[in-house]
């Protein structure tokens, strides 16, 4: 992969997969993600190493890769999510980030499909960006009770409905799921909604 990037004239190809959260401590990466994007998009469907797939997904999960990278990361997500949930999660994060309203049907389809398990968490989370898209509200209301994606659905629901309307549904989950992980998650989301209203 690094050889392909170098052949395409991408600078910093040796730093593919290096992500820096604090450049002051760790030094900035010299990898030119924007220049690499066309190469990564074409290569992603052909990759077989999970760590490399996750690294490429990490580089493509940028708002500026929207919508060019969407079809490639979605295809990779569908290929990986069931067999490798961790790699699927990284790809799902890229799916959610690179989607536009034109891709909402694909996001809804993936979000509703339980075969993808927790790999779809960030796809569900991304639905919060599409509050006017038909089906988003109903999908989130269904997912706030589903283990594995409930927290991400609750967050997105607050964005879609606003804190006042979302609070009714979050309080219902808190009440009905008391003593469970989902109930605890709902309690935290209820507090956030109430704080936003104060």
N, C-alpha and C. Protein backbone atom coordinates (compact mmCIF):
# COMPACT_ATOMS: atom_id res chain seq x y z
N UNK A 1 0.83 -1.19 0.00
CA UNK A 1 0.00 0.00 0.00
C UNK A 1 0.87 1.26 0.00
N UNK A 2 1.92 1.24 0.82
CA UNK A 2 2.81 2.40 0.86
C UNK A 2 3.49 2.60 -0.49
N UNK A 3 3.84 1.51 -1.16
CA UNK A 3 4.46 1.62 -2.48
C UNK A 3 3.49 2.25 -3.47
N UNK A 4 2.24 1.87 -3.39
CA UNK A 4 1.24 2.45 -4.30
C UNK A 4 1.10 3.95 -4.05
N UNK A 5 1.13 4.33 -2.78
CA UNK A 5 1.02 5.74 -2.45
C UNK A 5 2.24 6.52 -2.94
N UNK A 6 3.43 5.95 -2.76
CA UNK A 6 4.65 6.61 -3.23
C UNK A 6 4.63 6.75 -4.75
N UNK A 7 4.17 5.69 -5.43
CA UNK A 7 4.10 5.73 -6.90
C UNK A 7 3.15 6.83 -7.38
N UNK A 8 2.14 7.13 -6.55
CA UNK A 8 1.18 8.19 -6.90
C UNK A 8 1.67 9.57 -6.47
N UNK A 9 2.88 9.63 -5.88
CA UNK A 9 3.45 10.91 -5.48
C UNK A 9 2.92 11.46 -4.18
N UNK A 10 2.34 10.59 -3.34
CA UNK A 10 1.78 11.04 -2.06
C UNK A 10 2.91 11.17 -1.05
N UNK A 11 3.03 12.33 -0.44
CA UNK A 11 4.10 12.54 0.54
C UNK A 11 3.75 11.88 1.87
N UNK A 12 4.78 11.43 2.57
CA UNK A 12 4.59 10.84 3.90
C UNK A 12 3.97 9.46 3.87
N UNK A 13 4.08 8.74 2.76
CA UNK A 13 3.44 7.42 2.63
C UNK A 13 3.87 6.46 3.73
N UNK A 14 5.09 6.63 4.24
CA UNK A 14 5.57 5.73 5.30
C UNK A 14 4.80 5.91 6.59
N UNK A 15 4.03 6.99 6.71
CA UNK A 15 3.24 7.24 7.92
C UNK A 15 1.77 6.85 7.76
N UNK A 16 1.47 6.08 6.74
CA UNK A 16 0.13 5.53 6.59
C UNK A 16 -0.25 4.79 7.87
N UNK A 17 -1.39 5.09 8.44
CA UNK A 17 -1.84 4.43 9.65
C UNK A 17 -1.38 5.08 10.93
N UNK A 18 -0.63 6.17 10.83
CA UNK A 18 -0.19 6.90 12.03
C UNK A 18 -1.14 8.06 12.25
N UNK A 19 -1.82 8.03 13.40
CA UNK A 19 -2.79 9.08 13.73
C UNK A 19 -2.29 9.81 14.97
N UNK A 20 -2.24 11.12 14.88
CA UNK A 20 -1.67 11.94 15.94
C UNK A 20 -2.76 12.78 16.58
N UNK A 21 -3.03 12.52 17.86
CA UNK A 21 -4.05 13.30 18.56
C UNK A 21 -3.48 14.59 19.15
N UNK A 22 -2.18 14.58 19.44
CA UNK A 22 -1.55 15.77 20.01
C UNK A 22 -0.20 16.01 19.32
N UNK A 23 -0.22 16.83 18.23
CA UNK A 23 1.03 17.05 17.49
C UNK A 23 2.15 17.66 18.33
N UNK A 24 1.80 18.41 19.37
CA UNK A 24 2.83 19.02 20.21
C UNK A 24 3.62 17.96 20.97
N UNK A 25 2.94 16.87 21.35
CA UNK A 25 3.62 15.79 22.09
C UNK A 25 4.27 14.78 21.16
N UNK A 26 3.56 14.43 20.09
CA UNK A 26 4.00 13.30 19.26
C UNK A 26 4.55 13.72 17.90
N UNK A 27 4.46 14.99 17.56
CA UNK A 27 4.90 15.43 16.25
C UNK A 27 3.82 15.21 15.21
N UNK A 28 3.70 16.13 14.30
CA UNK A 28 2.66 16.04 13.28
C UNK A 28 3.00 14.95 12.27
N UNK A 29 1.96 14.32 11.73
CA UNK A 29 2.16 13.33 10.68
C UNK A 29 2.46 14.05 9.37
N UNK A 30 3.33 13.48 8.58
CA UNK A 30 3.64 14.07 7.27
C UNK A 30 2.82 13.43 6.15
N UNK A 31 1.92 12.51 6.52
CA UNK A 31 1.12 11.81 5.52
C UNK A 31 0.07 12.76 4.94
N UNK A 32 0.05 12.91 3.64
CA UNK A 32 -0.89 13.80 2.96
C UNK A 32 -2.18 13.03 2.66
N UNK A 33 -3.11 13.06 3.62
CA UNK A 33 -4.36 12.30 3.49
C UNK A 33 -5.17 12.72 2.27
N UNK A 34 -5.23 14.01 2.02
CA UNK A 34 -6.04 14.48 0.88
C UNK A 34 -5.49 13.97 -0.45
N UNK A 35 -4.19 14.04 -0.60
CA UNK A 35 -3.59 13.53 -1.84
C UNK A 35 -3.73 12.02 -1.94
N UNK A 36 -3.74 11.34 -0.79
CA UNK A 36 -3.84 9.88 -0.77
C UNK A 36 -5.25 9.38 -1.04
N UNK A 37 -6.25 10.24 -0.84
CA UNK A 37 -7.63 9.77 -0.88
C UNK A 37 -7.99 8.98 -2.14
N UNK A 38 -7.68 9.43 -3.35
CA UNK A 38 -8.06 8.63 -4.53
C UNK A 38 -7.44 7.23 -4.53
N UNK A 39 -6.20 7.14 -4.08
CA UNK A 39 -5.51 5.84 -4.03
C UNK A 39 -6.18 4.94 -2.99
N UNK A 40 -6.48 5.50 -1.83
CA UNK A 40 -7.10 4.72 -0.75
C UNK A 40 -8.48 4.23 -1.14
N UNK A 41 -9.25 5.08 -1.80
CA UNK A 41 -10.61 4.71 -2.22
C UNK A 41 -10.57 3.51 -3.17
N UNK A 42 -9.67 3.56 -4.13
CA UNK A 42 -9.57 2.46 -5.10
C UNK A 42 -9.03 1.19 -4.44
N UNK A 43 -8.08 1.35 -3.53
CA UNK A 43 -7.43 0.18 -2.92
C UNK A 43 -8.31 -0.52 -1.89
N UNK A 44 -9.14 0.23 -1.17
CA UNK A 44 -9.87 -0.33 -0.02
C UNK A 44 -10.59 -1.64 -0.32
N UNK A 45 -11.36 -1.76 -1.39
CA UNK A 45 -12.08 -3.02 -1.63
C UNK A 45 -11.17 -4.23 -1.87
N UNK A 46 -9.90 -3.99 -2.18
CA UNK A 46 -8.98 -5.10 -2.50
C UNK A 46 -8.17 -5.54 -1.30
N UNK A 47 -8.25 -4.81 -0.18
CA UNK A 47 -7.40 -5.10 0.97
C UNK A 47 -7.92 -6.28 1.78
N UNK A 48 -7.02 -7.09 2.30
CA UNK A 48 -7.40 -8.28 3.06
C UNK A 48 -6.88 -8.27 4.49
N UNK A 49 -6.01 -7.32 4.83
CA UNK A 49 -5.46 -7.24 6.18
C UNK A 49 -6.33 -6.31 7.03
N UNK A 50 -6.84 -6.82 8.14
CA UNK A 50 -7.78 -6.06 8.96
C UNK A 50 -7.17 -4.77 9.49
N UNK A 51 -5.91 -4.81 9.93
CA UNK A 51 -5.28 -3.62 10.46
C UNK A 51 -5.11 -2.55 9.38
N UNK A 52 -4.77 -2.98 8.19
CA UNK A 52 -4.62 -2.03 7.09
C UNK A 52 -5.98 -1.45 6.69
N UNK A 53 -7.00 -2.28 6.65
CA UNK A 53 -8.35 -1.79 6.34
C UNK A 53 -8.79 -0.74 7.36
N UNK A 54 -8.55 -1.00 8.64
CA UNK A 54 -8.90 -0.04 9.68
C UNK A 54 -8.12 1.26 9.53
N UNK A 55 -6.84 1.15 9.18
CA UNK A 55 -6.02 2.35 8.98
C UNK A 55 -6.54 3.18 7.81
N UNK A 56 -6.86 2.53 6.72
CA UNK A 56 -7.38 3.25 5.56
C UNK A 56 -8.72 3.89 5.90
N UNK A 57 -9.56 3.17 6.62
CA UNK A 57 -10.85 3.74 7.05
C UNK A 57 -10.61 4.98 7.91
N UNK A 58 -9.60 4.92 8.77
CA UNK A 58 -9.28 6.07 9.62
C UNK A 58 -8.87 7.29 8.82
N UNK A 59 -8.17 7.07 7.73
CA UNK A 59 -7.76 8.19 6.89
C UNK A 59 -8.91 8.72 6.03
N UNK A 60 -9.87 7.85 5.73
CA UNK A 60 -11.00 8.28 4.88
C UNK A 60 -12.18 8.83 5.69
N UNK A 61 -12.10 8.75 7.03
CA UNK A 61 -13.23 9.19 7.84
C UNK A 61 -13.16 10.70 8.11
N UNK A 62 -12.94 11.44 7.08
CA UNK A 62 -12.82 12.89 7.18
C UNK A 62 -13.97 13.53 6.43
N UNK A 63 -14.47 14.65 6.95
CA UNK A 63 -15.58 15.33 6.29
C UNK A 63 -15.22 15.73 4.87
N UNK A 64 -13.94 16.06 4.63
CA UNK A 64 -13.56 16.46 3.27
C UNK A 64 -13.54 15.27 2.30
N UNK A 65 -13.64 14.06 2.81
CA UNK A 65 -13.73 12.89 1.92
C UNK A 65 -15.17 12.61 1.49
N UNK A 66 -16.08 13.45 1.94
CA UNK A 66 -17.50 13.32 1.64
C UNK A 66 -17.82 14.02 0.33
N UNK A 67 -18.52 13.41 -0.58
CA UNK A 67 -19.05 12.04 -0.60
C UNK A 67 -18.17 11.05 -1.37
N UNK A 68 -17.00 11.50 -1.85
CA UNK A 68 -16.19 10.67 -2.74
C UNK A 68 -15.89 9.27 -2.19
N UNK A 69 -15.64 9.19 -0.88
CA UNK A 69 -15.23 7.91 -0.29
C UNK A 69 -16.40 7.03 0.12
N UNK A 70 -17.61 7.55 0.06
CA UNK A 70 -18.74 6.83 0.68
C UNK A 70 -18.94 5.43 0.11
N UNK A 71 -19.05 5.30 -1.20
CA UNK A 71 -19.37 3.99 -1.79
C UNK A 71 -18.30 2.96 -1.46
N UNK A 72 -17.05 3.39 -1.46
CA UNK A 72 -15.95 2.46 -1.16
C UNK A 72 -15.99 1.99 0.29
N UNK A 73 -16.19 2.93 1.22
CA UNK A 73 -16.21 2.51 2.64
C UNK A 73 -17.47 1.72 2.96
N UNK A 74 -18.58 2.04 2.31
CA UNK A 74 -19.81 1.26 2.54
C UNK A 74 -19.63 -0.18 2.06
N UNK A 75 -19.06 -0.35 0.87
CA UNK A 75 -18.83 -1.71 0.36
C UNK A 75 -17.89 -2.48 1.27
N UNK A 76 -16.86 -1.83 1.76
CA UNK A 76 -15.92 -2.49 2.67
C UNK A 76 -16.61 -2.83 4.00
N UNK A 77 -17.43 -1.91 4.49
CA UNK A 77 -18.18 -2.18 5.72
C UNK A 77 -19.03 -3.43 5.57
N UNK A 78 -19.76 -3.52 4.48
CA UNK A 78 -20.65 -4.67 4.28
C UNK A 78 -19.85 -5.97 4.14
N UNK A 79 -18.63 -5.87 3.66
CA UNK A 79 -17.79 -7.07 3.52
C UNK A 79 -17.17 -7.49 4.85
N UNK A 80 -16.90 -6.54 5.75
CA UNK A 80 -16.15 -6.83 6.97
C UNK A 80 -16.98 -6.90 8.24
N UNK A 81 -18.06 -6.18 8.34
CA UNK A 81 -18.73 -5.96 9.63
C UNK A 81 -19.17 -7.23 10.33
N UNK A 82 -19.68 -8.19 9.60
CA UNK A 82 -20.16 -9.42 10.24
C UNK A 82 -19.02 -10.30 10.72
N UNK A 83 -17.96 -10.37 9.96
CA UNK A 83 -16.87 -11.30 10.31
C UNK A 83 -15.84 -10.69 11.24
N UNK A 84 -15.76 -9.36 11.27
CA UNK A 84 -14.77 -8.70 12.12
C UNK A 84 -15.37 -7.38 12.63
N UNK A 85 -16.10 -7.45 13.75
CA UNK A 85 -16.80 -6.26 14.24
C UNK A 85 -15.91 -5.06 14.53
N UNK A 86 -14.67 -5.30 14.94
CA UNK A 86 -13.77 -4.17 15.22
C UNK A 86 -13.41 -3.42 13.93
N UNK A 87 -13.01 -4.17 12.92
CA UNK A 87 -12.72 -3.56 11.62
C UNK A 87 -13.99 -2.93 11.05
N UNK A 88 -15.10 -3.64 11.22
CA UNK A 88 -16.39 -3.10 10.77
C UNK A 88 -16.73 -1.79 11.44
N UNK A 89 -16.40 -1.68 12.74
CA UNK A 89 -16.68 -0.44 13.47
C UNK A 89 -15.91 0.73 12.86
N UNK A 90 -14.63 0.52 12.55
CA UNK A 90 -13.82 1.58 11.94
C UNK A 90 -14.39 1.98 10.58
N UNK A 91 -14.81 1.00 9.82
CA UNK A 91 -15.42 1.29 8.52
C UNK A 91 -16.76 1.99 8.69
N UNK A 92 -17.54 1.57 9.70
CA UNK A 92 -18.83 2.22 9.97
C UNK A 92 -18.65 3.68 10.34
N UNK A 93 -17.58 3.97 11.06
CA UNK A 93 -17.28 5.36 11.41
C UNK A 93 -17.05 6.17 10.14
N UNK A 94 -16.32 5.60 9.19
CA UNK A 94 -16.07 6.27 7.92
C UNK A 94 -17.35 6.38 7.09
N UNK A 95 -18.19 5.37 7.14
CA UNK A 95 -19.47 5.42 6.44
C UNK A 95 -20.29 6.61 6.94
N UNK A 96 -20.40 6.73 8.26
CA UNK A 96 -21.18 7.81 8.84
C UNK A 96 -20.64 9.18 8.53
N UNK A 97 -19.33 9.31 8.51
CA UNK A 97 -18.70 10.61 8.26
C UNK A 97 -18.80 11.03 6.81
N UNK A 98 -18.65 10.09 5.89
CA UNK A 98 -18.61 10.44 4.47
C UNK A 98 -19.98 10.49 3.81
N UNK A 99 -21.03 10.16 4.55
CA UNK A 99 -22.38 10.15 3.98
C UNK A 99 -22.94 11.57 3.84
N UNK A 100 -23.75 11.73 2.81
CA UNK A 100 -24.54 12.95 2.64
C UNK A 100 -26.01 12.55 2.70
N UNK A 101 -26.89 13.52 2.62
CA UNK A 101 -28.34 13.22 2.65
C UNK A 101 -28.72 12.26 1.52
N UNK A 102 -28.00 12.31 0.43
CA UNK A 102 -28.28 11.41 -0.70
C UNK A 102 -28.03 9.95 -0.34
N UNK A 103 -27.26 9.72 0.72
CA UNK A 103 -26.93 8.35 1.15
C UNK A 103 -27.77 7.90 2.35
N UNK A 104 -28.75 8.70 2.73
CA UNK A 104 -29.51 8.41 3.95
C UNK A 104 -30.19 7.05 3.90
N UNK A 105 -30.68 6.65 2.74
CA UNK A 105 -31.34 5.34 2.65
C UNK A 105 -30.37 4.21 3.00
N UNK A 106 -29.12 4.35 2.57
CA UNK A 106 -28.11 3.33 2.90
C UNK A 106 -27.82 3.33 4.39
N UNK A 107 -27.73 4.53 4.99
CA UNK A 107 -27.49 4.61 6.43
C UNK A 107 -28.64 3.97 7.20
N UNK A 108 -29.85 4.24 6.78
CA UNK A 108 -31.02 3.67 7.46
C UNK A 108 -31.02 2.15 7.32
N UNK A 109 -30.72 1.65 6.14
CA UNK A 109 -30.69 0.20 5.91
C UNK A 109 -29.67 -0.46 6.82
N UNK A 110 -28.46 0.09 6.86
CA UNK A 110 -27.40 -0.48 7.71
C UNK A 110 -27.78 -0.39 9.18
N UNK A 111 -28.32 0.75 9.59
CA UNK A 111 -28.68 0.96 11.00
C UNK A 111 -29.73 -0.03 11.48
N UNK A 112 -30.63 -0.40 10.61
CA UNK A 112 -31.72 -1.31 10.99
C UNK A 112 -31.32 -2.78 10.94
N UNK A 113 -30.20 -3.09 10.31
CA UNK A 113 -29.83 -4.49 10.08
C UNK A 113 -29.01 -5.03 11.25
N UNK A 114 -29.65 -5.84 12.07
CA UNK A 114 -29.00 -6.35 13.28
C UNK A 114 -27.82 -7.27 13.01
N UNK A 115 -27.69 -7.78 11.79
CA UNK A 115 -26.57 -8.68 11.50
C UNK A 115 -25.23 -7.95 11.62
N UNK A 116 -25.25 -6.62 11.54
CA UNK A 116 -24.01 -5.84 11.65
C UNK A 116 -23.65 -5.53 13.09
N UNK A 117 -24.51 -5.85 14.03
CA UNK A 117 -24.21 -5.71 15.45
C UNK A 117 -23.65 -4.35 15.83
N UNK A 118 -22.63 -4.35 16.70
CA UNK A 118 -22.07 -3.10 17.19
C UNK A 118 -21.23 -2.38 16.14
N UNK A 119 -20.91 -3.03 15.05
CA UNK A 119 -20.14 -2.37 13.99
C UNK A 119 -20.89 -1.17 13.42
N UNK A 120 -22.21 -1.14 13.59
CA UNK A 120 -23.00 -0.03 13.02
C UNK A 120 -23.19 1.13 13.98
N UNK A 121 -22.54 1.10 15.14
CA UNK A 121 -22.75 2.17 16.13
C UNK A 121 -22.57 3.57 15.55
N UNK A 122 -21.49 3.79 14.82
CA UNK A 122 -21.24 5.13 14.32
C UNK A 122 -22.11 5.49 13.11
N UNK A 123 -22.65 4.49 12.46
CA UNK A 123 -23.63 4.74 11.40
C UNK A 123 -24.91 5.26 12.04
N UNK A 124 -25.33 4.61 13.13
CA UNK A 124 -26.50 5.07 13.89
C UNK A 124 -26.27 6.48 14.42
N UNK A 125 -25.10 6.70 14.98
CA UNK A 125 -24.71 8.02 15.51
C UNK A 125 -24.84 9.10 14.43
N UNK A 126 -24.42 8.76 13.22
CA UNK A 126 -24.44 9.72 12.11
C UNK A 126 -25.85 10.11 11.69
N UNK A 127 -26.85 9.31 12.02
CA UNK A 127 -28.22 9.67 11.66
C UNK A 127 -28.63 11.00 12.29
N UNK A 128 -27.96 11.39 13.36
CA UNK A 128 -28.25 12.68 13.99
C UNK A 128 -28.02 13.86 13.07
N UNK A 129 -27.27 13.68 12.00
CA UNK A 129 -27.03 14.76 11.04
C UNK A 129 -28.16 14.91 10.03
N UNK A 130 -29.11 13.98 10.04
CA UNK A 130 -30.12 13.96 8.98
C UNK A 130 -31.54 14.05 9.54
N UNK A 131 -31.77 15.08 10.34
CA UNK A 131 -33.03 15.19 11.07
C UNK A 131 -34.27 15.34 10.18
N UNK A 132 -34.10 15.84 8.95
CA UNK A 132 -35.27 16.04 8.09
C UNK A 132 -35.53 14.87 7.15
N UNK A 133 -34.67 13.87 7.19
CA UNK A 133 -34.81 12.73 6.27
C UNK A 133 -35.90 11.79 6.77
N UNK A 134 -36.88 11.46 5.94
CA UNK A 134 -37.93 10.52 6.35
C UNK A 134 -37.34 9.19 6.81
N UNK A 135 -37.86 8.69 7.90
CA UNK A 135 -37.43 7.40 8.43
C UNK A 135 -36.38 7.48 9.51
N UNK A 136 -35.68 8.61 9.62
CA UNK A 136 -34.63 8.72 10.63
C UNK A 136 -35.23 8.70 12.03
N UNK A 137 -36.23 9.50 12.25
CA UNK A 137 -36.87 9.57 13.58
C UNK A 137 -37.37 8.20 14.02
N UNK A 138 -38.11 7.53 13.14
CA UNK A 138 -38.69 6.23 13.48
C UNK A 138 -37.60 5.18 13.75
N UNK A 139 -36.54 5.22 12.95
CA UNK A 139 -35.45 4.26 13.14
C UNK A 139 -34.78 4.47 14.49
N UNK A 140 -34.51 5.72 14.84
CA UNK A 140 -33.85 6.00 16.12
C UNK A 140 -34.74 5.62 17.30
N UNK A 141 -36.02 5.86 17.18
CA UNK A 141 -36.94 5.49 18.27
C UNK A 141 -36.95 3.98 18.49
N UNK A 142 -36.73 3.24 17.43
CA UNK A 142 -36.68 1.79 17.56
C UNK A 142 -35.35 1.33 18.15
N UNK A 143 -34.28 2.04 17.81
CA UNK A 143 -32.94 1.59 18.21
C UNK A 143 -32.55 2.01 19.62
N UNK A 144 -33.27 2.94 20.24
CA UNK A 144 -32.88 3.36 21.59
C UNK A 144 -33.09 2.25 22.63
N UNK A 145 -33.73 1.18 22.24
CA UNK A 145 -33.91 0.04 23.13
C UNK A 145 -33.02 -1.15 22.74
N UNK A 146 -32.23 -1.00 21.71
CA UNK A 146 -31.47 -2.15 21.21
C UNK A 146 -30.06 -2.21 21.79
N UNK A 147 -29.73 -3.29 22.47
CA UNK A 147 -28.38 -3.42 23.03
C UNK A 147 -27.33 -3.26 21.94
N UNK A 148 -26.25 -2.61 22.29
CA UNK A 148 -25.16 -2.44 21.34
C UNK A 148 -25.17 -1.14 20.57
N UNK A 149 -26.37 -0.60 20.31
CA UNK A 149 -26.45 0.66 19.57
C UNK A 149 -27.32 1.69 20.29
N UNK A 150 -27.87 1.34 21.43
CA UNK A 150 -28.81 2.22 22.13
C UNK A 150 -28.21 3.59 22.45
N UNK A 151 -27.00 3.61 22.99
CA UNK A 151 -26.38 4.88 23.37
C UNK A 151 -26.22 5.80 22.16
N UNK A 152 -25.76 5.26 21.06
CA UNK A 152 -25.55 6.05 19.85
C UNK A 152 -26.89 6.54 19.29
N UNK A 153 -27.91 5.70 19.41
CA UNK A 153 -29.24 6.10 18.96
C UNK A 153 -29.83 7.20 19.86
N UNK A 154 -29.57 7.11 21.16
CA UNK A 154 -30.08 8.14 22.08
C UNK A 154 -29.45 9.50 21.79
N UNK A 155 -28.14 9.49 21.54
CA UNK A 155 -27.45 10.73 21.21
C UNK A 155 -28.04 11.34 19.93
N UNK A 156 -28.17 10.50 18.90
CA UNK A 156 -28.70 10.98 17.63
C UNK A 156 -30.14 11.46 17.79
N UNK A 157 -30.91 10.77 18.62
CA UNK A 157 -32.30 11.17 18.83
C UNK A 157 -32.39 12.56 19.45
N UNK A 158 -31.50 12.88 20.38
CA UNK A 158 -31.50 14.22 20.97
C UNK A 158 -31.23 15.28 19.91
N UNK A 159 -30.36 14.96 18.96
CA UNK A 159 -30.06 15.91 17.88
C UNK A 159 -31.24 16.06 16.93
N UNK A 160 -31.91 14.96 16.65
CA UNK A 160 -33.00 14.97 15.67
C UNK A 160 -34.26 15.62 16.24
N UNK A 161 -34.62 15.25 17.45
CA UNK A 161 -35.87 15.74 18.05
C UNK A 161 -35.70 17.01 18.87
N UNK A 162 -34.48 17.26 19.32
CA UNK A 162 -34.26 18.33 20.27
C UNK A 162 -34.46 17.78 21.68
N UNK A 163 -33.88 18.45 22.68
CA UNK A 163 -33.90 17.88 24.04
C UNK A 163 -35.29 17.71 24.63
N UNK A 164 -36.20 18.64 24.36
CA UNK A 164 -37.52 18.56 24.99
C UNK A 164 -38.31 17.35 24.53
N UNK A 165 -38.39 17.16 23.22
CA UNK A 165 -39.15 16.02 22.71
C UNK A 165 -38.43 14.70 22.96
N UNK A 166 -37.10 14.71 22.86
CA UNK A 166 -36.34 13.48 23.10
C UNK A 166 -36.46 13.01 24.54
N UNK A 167 -36.60 13.96 25.45
CA UNK A 167 -36.64 13.63 26.88
C UNK A 167 -37.75 12.64 27.21
N UNK A 168 -38.89 12.78 26.59
CA UNK A 168 -40.01 11.87 26.83
C UNK A 168 -39.61 10.43 26.53
N UNK A 169 -38.94 10.24 25.43
CA UNK A 169 -38.54 8.89 25.01
C UNK A 169 -37.38 8.36 25.85
N UNK A 170 -36.46 9.24 26.18
CA UNK A 170 -35.32 8.83 27.01
C UNK A 170 -35.77 8.44 28.41
N UNK A 171 -36.70 9.19 28.96
CA UNK A 171 -37.23 8.86 30.29
C UNK A 171 -37.96 7.53 30.27
N UNK A 172 -38.62 7.24 29.17
CA UNK A 172 -39.31 5.95 29.04
C UNK A 172 -38.30 4.81 29.05
N UNK A 173 -37.20 4.96 28.33
CA UNK A 173 -36.16 3.92 28.31
C UNK A 173 -35.53 3.80 29.70
N UNK A 174 -35.25 4.93 30.33
CA UNK A 174 -34.67 4.91 31.68
C UNK A 174 -35.58 4.14 32.64
N UNK A 175 -36.86 4.37 32.54
CA UNK A 175 -37.83 3.73 33.44
C UNK A 175 -37.94 2.23 33.15
N UNK A 176 -38.10 1.88 31.88
CA UNK A 176 -38.33 0.49 31.51
C UNK A 176 -37.07 -0.37 31.58
N UNK A 177 -35.90 0.25 31.44
CA UNK A 177 -34.65 -0.51 31.40
C UNK A 177 -33.82 -0.31 32.68
N UNK A 178 -34.47 0.16 33.73
CA UNK A 178 -33.76 0.42 34.98
C UNK A 178 -32.96 -0.80 35.44
N UNK A 179 -31.72 -0.57 35.86
CA UNK A 179 -30.88 -1.67 36.33
C UNK A 179 -30.10 -2.38 35.24
N UNK A 180 -30.24 -1.91 33.98
CA UNK A 180 -29.48 -2.50 32.87
C UNK A 180 -28.50 -1.46 32.33
N UNK A 181 -27.62 -1.92 31.45
CA UNK A 181 -26.68 -1.00 30.82
C UNK A 181 -27.43 0.07 30.03
N UNK A 182 -28.46 -0.36 29.30
CA UNK A 182 -29.23 0.61 28.52
C UNK A 182 -29.92 1.62 29.44
N UNK A 183 -30.42 1.14 30.57
CA UNK A 183 -31.04 2.04 31.53
C UNK A 183 -30.07 3.08 32.05
N UNK A 184 -28.84 2.64 32.34
CA UNK A 184 -27.80 3.57 32.81
C UNK A 184 -27.44 4.58 31.72
N UNK A 185 -27.36 4.11 30.49
CA UNK A 185 -27.08 5.02 29.38
C UNK A 185 -28.20 6.05 29.23
N UNK A 186 -29.43 5.59 29.37
CA UNK A 186 -30.57 6.50 29.27
C UNK A 186 -30.54 7.54 30.38
N UNK A 187 -30.14 7.15 31.57
CA UNK A 187 -30.04 8.10 32.68
C UNK A 187 -29.07 9.23 32.34
N UNK A 188 -27.93 8.87 31.75
CA UNK A 188 -26.95 9.89 31.38
C UNK A 188 -27.50 10.81 30.28
N UNK A 189 -28.21 10.23 29.33
CA UNK A 189 -28.77 11.03 28.24
C UNK A 189 -29.91 11.92 28.73
N UNK A 190 -30.68 11.43 29.69
CA UNK A 190 -31.74 12.23 30.30
C UNK A 190 -31.13 13.47 30.98
N UNK A 191 -30.04 13.26 31.70
CA UNK A 191 -29.36 14.38 32.37
C UNK A 191 -28.89 15.42 31.35
N UNK A 192 -28.36 14.96 30.23
CA UNK A 192 -27.88 15.89 29.20
C UNK A 192 -29.06 16.67 28.60
N UNK A 193 -30.16 15.97 28.36
CA UNK A 193 -31.33 16.64 27.78
C UNK A 193 -31.88 17.69 28.76
N UNK A 194 -31.95 17.33 30.04
CA UNK A 194 -32.45 18.28 31.03
C UNK A 194 -31.53 19.48 31.18
N UNK A 195 -30.23 19.22 31.11
CA UNK A 195 -29.27 20.33 31.21
C UNK A 195 -29.43 21.29 30.04
N UNK A 196 -29.68 20.73 28.84
CA UNK A 196 -29.86 21.58 27.66
C UNK A 196 -31.10 22.42 27.76
N UNK A 197 -32.08 21.99 28.55
CA UNK A 197 -33.34 22.73 28.71
C UNK A 197 -33.28 23.76 29.84
N UNK A 198 -32.27 23.66 30.70
CA UNK A 198 -32.22 24.56 31.86
C UNK A 198 -31.64 25.91 31.52
